[in-house]
Amino acid sequence: MSAFDTPQPGFHFLVLFEIFPQFPNDLRFSEVSGLSVEMEMETKAEGGENRFAHQLPVRAKYSDVTLKRGKMLGSGLLHWCHKAFDEYKFEPSNVMISLMNADHAPLYNWYLINAIPKRLEVSSFNAQSNELVIETLVLSYQYYKYYDPVSVALELASGITGAVTGGVGF
């Protein structure tokens, strides 16, 4: 069986921010959620037709992405967040979220464009439990680009086909 025959497990992933400085802790997350896109639709009534209305696409709407990890010392990512929240200095960063295979190679990639911190939360402290302190970071961004081996191969194939047929005059 190949990677194309089975669904992929979601426990092996990597999150990379394009910020400086970064520390090893800035790559360690226990959970990523919220990678979704939805098409906003506009309703237009058909003139003289009362049985239906047309649903026309307007724009893609991308949801916020939530990242969770154990609270650790030393983080350029936290410095980036605190500059935004404390000093109101927002420096958008692109973020690559990759689902990895067993050989640590990326299978699926979501490249978030111009992400900024929207919320930073630290879990509660409780003297009666033995739980880790969890840090939650919510990112807002403009859009994402999605890459996987099949879509890249299809784009390359369509580009080659277009180049060949375009050169022949079809």
N, C-alpha and C. Protein backbone atom coordinates (compact mmCIF):
# COMPACT_ATOMS: atom_id res chain seq x y z
N MET A 1 0.83 -1.19 0.00
CA MET A 1 0.00 0.00 0.00
C MET A 1 0.88 1.25 0.00
N SER A 2 0.45 2.24 -0.73
CA SER A 2 1.19 3.50 -0.79
C SER A 2 0.45 4.58 -0.02
N ALA A 3 1.07 5.73 0.07
CA ALA A 3 0.44 6.88 0.76
C ALA A 3 -0.83 7.32 0.06
N PHE A 4 -0.98 6.97 -1.22
CA PHE A 4 -2.16 7.37 -1.98
C PHE A 4 -3.35 6.46 -1.72
N ASP A 5 -3.11 5.29 -1.10
CA ASP A 5 -4.17 4.30 -0.89
C ASP A 5 -4.87 4.44 0.45
N THR A 6 -4.28 5.13 1.39
CA THR A 6 -4.84 5.18 2.74
C THR A 6 -4.91 6.61 3.26
N PRO A 7 -5.90 6.88 4.11
CA PRO A 7 -5.93 8.20 4.77
C PRO A 7 -4.70 8.36 5.67
N GLN A 8 -4.28 9.58 5.83
CA GLN A 8 -3.06 9.84 6.61
C GLN A 8 -3.40 10.12 8.07
N PRO A 9 -2.58 9.62 8.98
CA PRO A 9 -2.78 9.96 10.40
C PRO A 9 -2.42 11.43 10.63
N GLY A 10 -3.06 12.04 11.63
CA GLY A 10 -2.87 13.46 11.87
C GLY A 10 -1.94 13.79 13.02
N PHE A 11 -1.12 12.83 13.48
CA PHE A 11 -0.30 13.11 14.65
C PHE A 11 1.12 13.56 14.31
N HIS A 12 1.53 13.49 13.05
CA HIS A 12 2.91 13.86 12.68
C HIS A 12 2.85 15.08 11.76
N PHE A 13 3.11 16.26 12.34
CA PHE A 13 3.00 17.49 11.58
C PHE A 13 4.07 18.47 12.03
N LEU A 14 4.22 19.53 11.25
CA LEU A 14 5.23 20.55 11.52
C LEU A 14 4.62 21.92 11.25
N VAL A 15 4.93 22.88 12.11
CA VAL A 15 4.48 24.26 11.93
C VAL A 15 5.71 25.16 11.90
N LEU A 16 5.89 25.89 10.80
CA LEU A 16 7.04 26.78 10.65
C LEU A 16 6.57 28.21 10.43
N PHE A 17 7.09 29.13 11.24
CA PHE A 17 6.81 30.56 11.08
C PHE A 17 7.99 31.22 10.39
N GLU A 18 7.71 32.19 9.55
CA GLU A 18 8.77 32.98 8.92
C GLU A 18 9.05 34.21 9.76
N ILE A 19 9.54 33.97 10.97
CA ILE A 19 9.90 35.07 11.87
C ILE A 19 11.33 34.85 12.35
N PHE A 20 11.92 35.92 12.84
CA PHE A 20 13.27 35.84 13.39
C PHE A 20 13.31 36.65 14.67
N PRO A 21 13.88 36.17 15.74
CA PRO A 21 14.52 34.86 15.88
C PRO A 21 13.50 33.77 16.18
N GLN A 22 13.90 32.54 15.91
CA GLN A 22 13.11 31.37 16.28
C GLN A 22 13.97 30.47 17.15
N PHE A 23 13.30 29.73 18.00
CA PHE A 23 13.96 28.78 18.88
C PHE A 23 13.37 27.40 18.61
N PRO A 24 14.05 26.33 19.01
CA PRO A 24 13.50 24.98 18.78
C PRO A 24 12.08 24.80 19.32
N ASN A 25 11.76 25.48 20.42
CA ASN A 25 10.42 25.36 20.99
C ASN A 25 9.34 25.94 20.08
N ASP A 26 9.71 26.82 19.16
CA ASP A 26 8.74 27.45 18.28
C ASP A 26 8.19 26.49 17.22
N LEU A 27 8.77 25.31 17.10
CA LEU A 27 8.32 24.30 16.14
C LEU A 27 7.43 23.26 16.79
N ARG A 28 7.33 23.26 18.09
CA ARG A 28 6.67 22.18 18.82
C ARG A 28 5.23 22.54 19.18
N PHE A 29 4.30 21.90 18.50
CA PHE A 29 2.88 22.09 18.80
C PHE A 29 2.24 20.72 18.97
N SER A 30 1.26 20.66 19.84
CA SER A 30 0.56 19.39 20.07
C SER A 30 -0.73 19.31 19.28
N GLU A 31 -1.21 20.45 18.77
CA GLU A 31 -2.48 20.44 18.04
C GLU A 31 -2.58 21.64 17.10
N VAL A 32 -3.12 21.39 15.93
CA VAL A 32 -3.46 22.43 14.96
C VAL A 32 -4.91 22.20 14.57
N SER A 33 -5.71 23.26 14.61
CA SER A 33 -7.11 23.11 14.20
C SER A 33 -7.57 24.38 13.48
N GLY A 34 -8.64 24.25 12.71
CA GLY A 34 -9.25 25.40 12.06
C GLY A 34 -8.84 25.62 10.62
N LEU A 35 -8.14 24.68 10.01
CA LEU A 35 -7.76 24.85 8.61
C LEU A 35 -8.99 24.60 7.74
N SER A 36 -9.70 25.66 7.43
CA SER A 36 -10.89 25.49 6.59
C SER A 36 -11.11 26.73 5.74
N VAL A 37 -11.79 26.51 4.64
CA VAL A 37 -12.15 27.59 3.73
C VAL A 37 -13.60 27.36 3.32
N GLU A 38 -14.33 28.45 3.21
CA GLU A 38 -15.74 28.40 2.85
C GLU A 38 -16.02 29.48 1.81
N MET A 39 -16.84 29.15 0.83
CA MET A 39 -17.18 30.12 -0.19
C MET A 39 -18.41 30.93 0.26
N GLU A 40 -18.25 32.24 0.36
CA GLU A 40 -19.39 33.10 0.64
C GLU A 40 -20.22 33.20 -0.63
N MET A 41 -21.53 33.13 -0.46
CA MET A 41 -22.44 33.12 -1.61
C MET A 41 -23.36 34.34 -1.55
N GLU A 42 -23.76 34.81 -2.71
CA GLU A 42 -24.71 35.90 -2.83
C GLU A 42 -25.96 35.35 -3.53
N THR A 43 -27.12 35.67 -2.99
CA THR A 43 -28.37 35.20 -3.56
C THR A 43 -28.92 36.22 -4.54
N LYS A 44 -29.23 35.77 -5.74
CA LYS A 44 -29.82 36.63 -6.77
C LYS A 44 -31.10 35.96 -7.26
N ALA A 45 -32.19 36.71 -7.17
CA ALA A 45 -33.47 36.18 -7.64
C ALA A 45 -33.50 36.18 -9.17
N GLU A 46 -34.09 35.15 -9.72
CA GLU A 46 -34.27 35.05 -11.17
C GLU A 46 -35.51 35.86 -11.55
N GLY A 47 -35.38 36.74 -12.50
CA GLY A 47 -36.53 37.57 -12.92
C GLY A 47 -37.66 36.72 -13.50
N GLY A 48 -38.84 36.81 -12.91
CA GLY A 48 -40.00 36.08 -13.39
C GLY A 48 -40.04 34.62 -12.97
N GLU A 49 -39.06 34.15 -12.24
CA GLU A 49 -39.01 32.75 -11.80
C GLU A 49 -39.04 32.73 -10.28
N ASN A 50 -40.08 32.13 -9.70
CA ASN A 50 -40.22 32.12 -8.25
C ASN A 50 -39.85 30.79 -7.60
N ARG A 51 -39.47 29.80 -8.38
CA ARG A 51 -39.17 28.48 -7.81
C ARG A 51 -37.77 28.40 -7.21
N PHE A 52 -36.87 29.28 -7.58
CA PHE A 52 -35.51 29.21 -7.07
C PHE A 52 -34.83 30.57 -7.18
N ALA A 53 -33.71 30.68 -6.50
CA ALA A 53 -32.84 31.85 -6.60
C ALA A 53 -31.43 31.33 -6.89
N HIS A 54 -30.65 32.09 -7.62
CA HIS A 54 -29.28 31.69 -7.95
C HIS A 54 -28.37 31.96 -6.75
N GLN A 55 -27.49 31.04 -6.47
CA GLN A 55 -26.45 31.21 -5.46
C GLN A 55 -25.14 31.44 -6.21
N LEU A 56 -24.59 32.64 -6.11
CA LEU A 56 -23.39 32.99 -6.85
C LEU A 56 -22.21 33.14 -5.89
N PRO A 57 -21.08 32.57 -6.24
CA PRO A 57 -19.90 32.70 -5.37
C PRO A 57 -19.39 34.13 -5.34
N VAL A 58 -19.00 34.61 -4.13
CA VAL A 58 -18.52 35.97 -3.97
C VAL A 58 -17.02 35.97 -3.64
N ARG A 59 -16.64 35.28 -2.57
CA ARG A 59 -15.23 35.22 -2.17
C ARG A 59 -15.03 34.06 -1.20
N ALA A 60 -13.80 33.61 -1.11
CA ALA A 60 -13.44 32.57 -0.16
C ALA A 60 -13.21 33.20 1.21
N LYS A 61 -13.68 32.54 2.25
CA LYS A 61 -13.49 33.01 3.62
C LYS A 61 -12.71 31.93 4.39
N TYR A 62 -11.59 32.33 4.95
CA TYR A 62 -10.70 31.41 5.66
C TYR A 62 -10.89 31.58 7.16
N SER A 63 -11.02 30.46 7.86
CA SER A 63 -11.23 30.52 9.31
C SER A 63 -9.91 30.74 10.04
N ASP A 64 -9.99 31.16 11.29
CA ASP A 64 -8.80 31.31 12.12
C ASP A 64 -8.19 29.94 12.38
N VAL A 65 -6.87 29.91 12.53
CA VAL A 65 -6.17 28.67 12.86
C VAL A 65 -5.74 28.74 14.32
N THR A 66 -5.96 27.64 15.03
CA THR A 66 -5.60 27.55 16.44
C THR A 66 -4.45 26.56 16.61
N LEU A 67 -3.41 27.01 17.31
CA LEU A 67 -2.24 26.18 17.61
C LEU A 67 -2.16 26.00 19.12
N LYS A 68 -1.88 24.77 19.57
CA LYS A 68 -1.74 24.49 20.99
C LYS A 68 -0.42 23.78 21.25
N ARG A 69 0.16 24.10 22.42
CA ARG A 69 1.41 23.45 22.84
C ARG A 69 1.57 23.62 24.33
N GLY A 70 2.46 22.82 24.89
CA GLY A 70 2.81 22.98 26.29
C GLY A 70 3.60 24.26 26.47
N LYS A 71 3.37 24.95 27.57
CA LYS A 71 4.07 26.22 27.86
C LYS A 71 5.55 25.92 28.13
N MET A 72 6.44 26.59 27.37
CA MET A 72 7.88 26.37 27.50
C MET A 72 8.61 27.70 27.59
N LEU A 73 9.80 27.65 28.15
CA LEU A 73 10.65 28.84 28.21
C LEU A 73 11.37 29.02 26.88
N GLY A 74 11.60 30.26 26.51
CA GLY A 74 12.38 30.56 25.31
C GLY A 74 11.58 30.42 24.04
N SER A 75 11.05 31.54 23.54
CA SER A 75 10.24 31.46 22.34
C SER A 75 10.27 32.79 21.59
N GLY A 76 10.79 32.76 20.36
CA GLY A 76 10.71 33.92 19.49
C GLY A 76 9.28 34.17 19.05
N LEU A 77 8.50 33.10 19.00
CA LEU A 77 7.09 33.21 18.64
C LEU A 77 6.32 34.02 19.68
N LEU A 78 6.60 33.80 20.96
CA LEU A 78 5.94 34.58 22.01
C LEU A 78 6.38 36.03 21.97
N HIS A 79 7.63 36.27 21.65
CA HIS A 79 8.12 37.65 21.49
C HIS A 79 7.35 38.34 20.37
N TRP A 80 7.13 37.65 19.25
CA TRP A 80 6.36 38.17 18.12
C TRP A 80 4.93 38.49 18.55
N CYS A 81 4.33 37.60 19.34
CA CYS A 81 2.96 37.82 19.83
C CYS A 81 2.89 39.01 20.78
N HIS A 82 3.83 39.09 21.71
CA HIS A 82 3.80 40.17 22.69
C HIS A 82 4.07 41.53 22.05
N LYS A 83 4.88 41.57 20.99
CA LYS A 83 5.05 42.84 20.27
C LYS A 83 3.71 43.29 19.69
N ALA A 84 2.92 42.35 19.22
CA ALA A 84 1.61 42.69 18.66
C ALA A 84 0.65 43.14 19.76
N PHE A 85 0.56 42.38 20.84
CA PHE A 85 -0.42 42.67 21.87
C PHE A 85 -0.01 43.82 22.79
N ASP A 86 1.26 43.88 23.16
CA ASP A 86 1.71 44.88 24.12
C ASP A 86 2.04 46.23 23.47
N GLU A 87 2.68 46.18 22.30
CA GLU A 87 3.14 47.40 21.64
C GLU A 87 2.30 47.77 20.42
N TYR A 88 1.34 46.92 20.07
CA TYR A 88 0.50 47.11 18.90
C TYR A 88 1.34 47.20 17.62
N LYS A 89 2.41 46.40 17.59
CA LYS A 89 3.28 46.31 16.41
C LYS A 89 3.05 44.95 15.76
N PHE A 90 2.16 44.94 14.79
CA PHE A 90 1.83 43.70 14.09
C PHE A 90 2.77 43.52 12.91
N GLU A 91 3.48 42.42 12.90
CA GLU A 91 4.38 42.07 11.81
C GLU A 91 3.87 40.77 11.20
N PRO A 92 3.08 40.83 10.13
CA PRO A 92 2.53 39.61 9.54
C PRO A 92 3.63 38.62 9.16
N SER A 93 3.34 37.36 9.36
CA SER A 93 4.28 36.29 9.04
C SER A 93 3.56 35.22 8.24
N ASN A 94 4.24 34.67 7.27
CA ASN A 94 3.71 33.49 6.59
C ASN A 94 4.00 32.28 7.46
N VAL A 95 3.11 31.30 7.41
CA VAL A 95 3.23 30.11 8.25
C VAL A 95 3.00 28.88 7.38
N MET A 96 3.89 27.90 7.46
CA MET A 96 3.72 26.64 6.74
C MET A 96 3.31 25.56 7.74
N ILE A 97 2.17 24.94 7.49
CA ILE A 97 1.70 23.81 8.29
C ILE A 97 1.76 22.60 7.39
N SER A 98 2.53 21.59 7.79
CA SER A 98 2.74 20.41 6.96
C SER A 98 2.36 19.15 7.71
N LEU A 99 1.60 18.29 7.05
CA LEU A 99 1.34 16.95 7.56
C LEU A 99 2.42 16.05 6.99
N MET A 100 3.12 15.34 7.88
CA MET A 100 4.32 14.60 7.48
C MET A 100 4.04 13.10 7.38
N ASN A 101 4.86 12.41 6.57
CA ASN A 101 4.77 10.95 6.51
C ASN A 101 5.76 10.33 7.49
N ALA A 102 5.87 9.01 7.50
CA ALA A 102 6.75 8.31 8.44
C ALA A 102 8.22 8.65 8.24
N ASP A 103 8.59 9.10 7.03
CA ASP A 103 9.97 9.47 6.74
C ASP A 103 10.23 10.95 7.00
N HIS A 104 9.30 11.64 7.64
CA HIS A 104 9.39 13.06 7.99
C HIS A 104 9.37 13.97 6.77
N ALA A 105 8.83 13.49 5.68
CA ALA A 105 8.68 14.32 4.47
C ALA A 105 7.25 14.87 4.44
N PRO A 106 7.07 16.12 4.03
CA PRO A 106 5.73 16.70 4.00
C PRO A 106 4.87 16.07 2.90
N LEU A 107 3.65 15.69 3.28
CA LEU A 107 2.69 15.16 2.32
C LEU A 107 1.70 16.23 1.88
N TYR A 108 1.19 16.97 2.84
CA TYR A 108 0.21 18.02 2.60
C TYR A 108 0.72 19.28 3.26
N ASN A 109 0.55 20.40 2.57
CA ASN A 109 1.06 21.67 3.08
C ASN A 109 0.01 22.76 2.95
N TRP A 110 -0.14 23.53 4.00
CA TRP A 110 -1.00 24.72 4.00
C TRP A 110 -0.10 25.90 4.30
N TYR A 111 0.02 26.83 3.36
CA TYR A 111 0.90 27.98 3.49
C TYR A 111 0.03 29.20 3.77
N LEU A 112 -0.02 29.60 5.05
CA LEU A 112 -0.84 30.73 5.47
C LEU A 112 -0.13 32.03 5.13
N ILE A 113 -0.85 32.95 4.51
CA ILE A 113 -0.28 34.22 4.05
C ILE A 113 -0.65 35.33 5.03
N ASN A 114 0.37 36.05 5.48
CA ASN A 114 0.22 37.24 6.34
C ASN A 114 -0.56 36.96 7.63
N ALA A 115 -0.12 35.97 8.36
CA ALA A 115 -0.76 35.63 9.64
C ALA A 115 -0.33 36.62 10.72
N ILE A 116 -1.28 36.95 11.58
CA ILE A 116 -1.01 37.78 12.76
C ILE A 116 -1.67 37.12 13.97
N PRO A 117 -1.11 37.34 15.16
CA PRO A 117 -1.74 36.76 16.35
C PRO A 117 -3.06 37.46 16.66
N LYS A 118 -4.08 36.66 16.92
CA LYS A 118 -5.40 37.21 17.25
C LYS A 118 -5.72 36.99 18.72
N ARG A 119 -5.25 35.86 19.26
CA ARG A 119 -5.51 35.56 20.67
C ARG A 119 -4.39 34.69 21.19
N LEU A 120 -3.96 34.96 22.40
CA LEU A 120 -2.96 34.16 23.10
C LEU A 120 -3.53 33.83 24.47
N GLU A 121 -3.61 32.56 24.78
CA GLU A 121 -4.25 32.12 26.02
C GLU A 121 -3.36 31.10 26.72
N VAL A 122 -3.32 31.19 28.03
CA VAL A 122 -2.61 30.21 28.86
C VAL A 122 -3.65 29.51 29.71
N SER A 123 -3.56 28.19 29.77
CA SER A 123 -4.54 27.42 30.53
C SER A 123 -4.45 27.74 32.01
N SER A 124 -5.43 27.28 32.74
CA SER A 124 -5.49 27.57 34.19
C SER A 124 -4.41 26.81 34.94
N PHE A 125 -4.07 27.32 36.09
CA PHE A 125 -3.15 26.66 37.02
C PHE A 125 -4.01 26.05 38.12
N ASN A 126 -3.73 24.79 38.45
CA ASN A 126 -4.54 24.11 39.46
C ASN A 126 -3.63 23.27 40.32
N ALA A 127 -3.54 23.61 41.60
CA ALA A 127 -2.66 22.91 42.54
C ALA A 127 -3.12 21.48 42.80
N GLN A 128 -4.36 21.16 42.47
CA GLN A 128 -4.89 19.83 42.76
C GLN A 128 -4.82 18.88 41.56
N SER A 129 -4.25 19.33 40.45
CA SER A 129 -4.13 18.44 39.30
C SER A 129 -2.68 18.40 38.84
N ASN A 130 -2.39 17.41 38.04
CA ASN A 130 -1.03 17.21 37.54
C ASN A 130 -1.01 17.41 36.02
N GLU A 131 -1.65 18.49 35.55
CA GLU A 131 -1.75 18.74 34.12
C GLU A 131 -0.71 19.76 33.67
N LEU A 132 -0.31 19.63 32.41
CA LEU A 132 0.61 20.60 31.83
C LEU A 132 -0.09 21.93 31.60
N VAL A 133 0.67 23.00 31.62
CA VAL A 133 0.15 24.31 31.25
C VAL A 133 0.15 24.37 29.72
N ILE A 134 -1.01 24.65 29.15
CA ILE A 134 -1.16 24.68 27.70
C ILE A 134 -1.29 26.12 27.22
N GLU A 135 -0.54 26.41 26.17
CA GLU A 135 -0.55 27.72 25.54
C GLU A 135 -1.32 27.59 24.23
N THR A 136 -2.30 28.47 24.02
CA THR A 136 -3.11 28.45 22.81
C THR A 136 -2.91 29.75 22.06
N LEU A 137 -2.57 29.64 20.79
CA LEU A 137 -2.37 30.79 19.92
C LEU A 137 -3.35 30.70 18.77
N VAL A 138 -4.14 31.75 18.58
CA VAL A 138 -5.08 31.83 17.46
C VAL A 138 -4.53 32.83 16.46
N LEU A 139 -4.46 32.40 15.21
CA LEU A 139 -3.93 33.24 14.14
C LEU A 139 -5.03 33.63 13.16
N SER A 140 -5.01 34.88 12.75
CA SER A 140 -5.84 35.36 11.67
C SER A 140 -4.90 35.55 10.48
N TYR A 141 -5.38 35.28 9.28
CA TYR A 141 -4.52 35.39 8.10
C TYR A 141 -5.40 35.72 6.90
N GLN A 142 -4.78 36.09 5.79
CA GLN A 142 -5.54 36.50 4.60
C GLN A 142 -6.12 35.29 3.86
N TYR A 143 -5.27 34.33 3.56
CA TYR A 143 -5.69 33.12 2.84
C TYR A 143 -4.58 32.10 2.97
N TYR A 144 -4.85 30.89 2.50
CA TYR A 144 -3.76 29.91 2.44
C TYR A 144 -3.67 29.31 1.05
N LYS A 145 -2.47 28.85 0.74
CA LYS A 145 -2.21 28.10 -0.48
C LYS A 145 -2.04 26.65 -0.06
N TYR A 146 -2.67 25.75 -0.78
CA TYR A 146 -2.61 24.33 -0.44
C TYR A 146 -1.74 23.60 -1.45
N TYR A 147 -0.83 22.77 -0.95
CA TYR A 147 0.05 21.99 -1.82
C TYR A 147 0.05 20.54 -1.36
N ASP A 148 -0.03 19.63 -2.30
CA ASP A 148 0.22 18.22 -2.02
C ASP A 148 0.85 17.62 -3.27
N PRO A 149 1.43 16.42 -3.17
CA PRO A 149 2.15 15.86 -4.33
C PRO A 149 1.27 15.68 -5.56
N VAL A 150 0.01 15.31 -5.38
CA VAL A 150 -0.87 15.09 -6.52
C VAL A 150 -1.23 16.40 -7.20
N SER A 151 -1.60 17.42 -6.41
CA SER A 151 -1.98 18.70 -7.03
C SER A 151 -0.80 19.35 -7.73
N VAL A 152 0.41 19.21 -7.17
CA VAL A 152 1.60 19.76 -7.83
C VAL A 152 1.85 19.02 -9.15
N ALA A 153 1.71 17.69 -9.12
CA ALA A 153 1.91 16.91 -10.35
C ALA A 153 0.86 17.29 -11.40
N LEU A 154 -0.38 17.48 -10.99
CA LEU A 154 -1.43 17.87 -11.93
C LEU A 154 -1.16 19.24 -12.53
N GLU A 155 -0.69 20.19 -11.69
CA GLU A 155 -0.37 21.52 -12.20
C GLU A 155 0.77 21.46 -13.20
N LEU A 156 1.79 20.66 -12.88
CA LEU A 156 2.91 20.52 -13.80
C LEU A 156 2.46 19.89 -15.11
N ALA A 157 1.64 18.85 -15.00
CA ALA A 157 1.16 18.17 -16.21
C ALA A 157 0.31 19.09 -17.06
N SER A 158 -0.56 19.86 -16.44
CA SER A 158 -1.41 20.77 -17.21
C SER A 158 -0.57 21.89 -17.82
N GLY A 159 0.47 22.32 -17.13
CA GLY A 159 1.36 23.34 -17.68
C GLY A 159 2.14 22.83 -18.87
N ILE A 160 2.60 21.57 -18.78
CA ILE A 160 3.33 20.98 -19.89
C ILE A 160 2.39 20.77 -21.07
N THR A 161 1.20 20.25 -20.80
CA THR A 161 0.21 20.04 -21.87
C THR A 161 -0.14 21.36 -22.54
N GLY A 162 -0.37 22.39 -21.72
CA GLY A 162 -0.68 23.71 -22.28
C GLY A 162 0.45 24.24 -23.13
N ALA A 163 1.68 24.02 -22.70
CA ALA A 163 2.83 24.50 -23.45
C ALA A 163 2.94 23.77 -24.78
N VAL A 164 2.69 22.45 -24.76
CA VAL A 164 2.81 21.68 -25.99
C VAL A 164 1.70 22.04 -26.96
N THR A 165 0.44 22.05 -26.47
CA THR A 165 -0.66 22.37 -27.39
C THR A 165 -0.60 23.82 -27.83
N GLY A 166 -0.14 24.70 -26.94
CA GLY A 166 -0.03 26.11 -27.34
C GLY A 166 0.99 26.31 -28.44
N GLY A 167 2.07 25.52 -28.40
CA GLY A 167 3.11 25.65 -29.42
C GLY A 167 2.69 25.10 -30.77
N VAL A 168 1.78 24.14 -30.78
CA VAL A 168 1.35 23.52 -32.03
C VAL A 168 0.21 24.30 -32.66
N GLY A 169 -0.49 25.08 -31.86
CA GLY A 169 -1.55 25.90 -32.40
C GLY A 169 -2.96 25.39 -32.11
N PHE A 170 -3.11 24.46 -31.21
CA PHE A 170 -4.44 23.94 -30.85
C PHE A 170 -5.15 24.91 -29.97
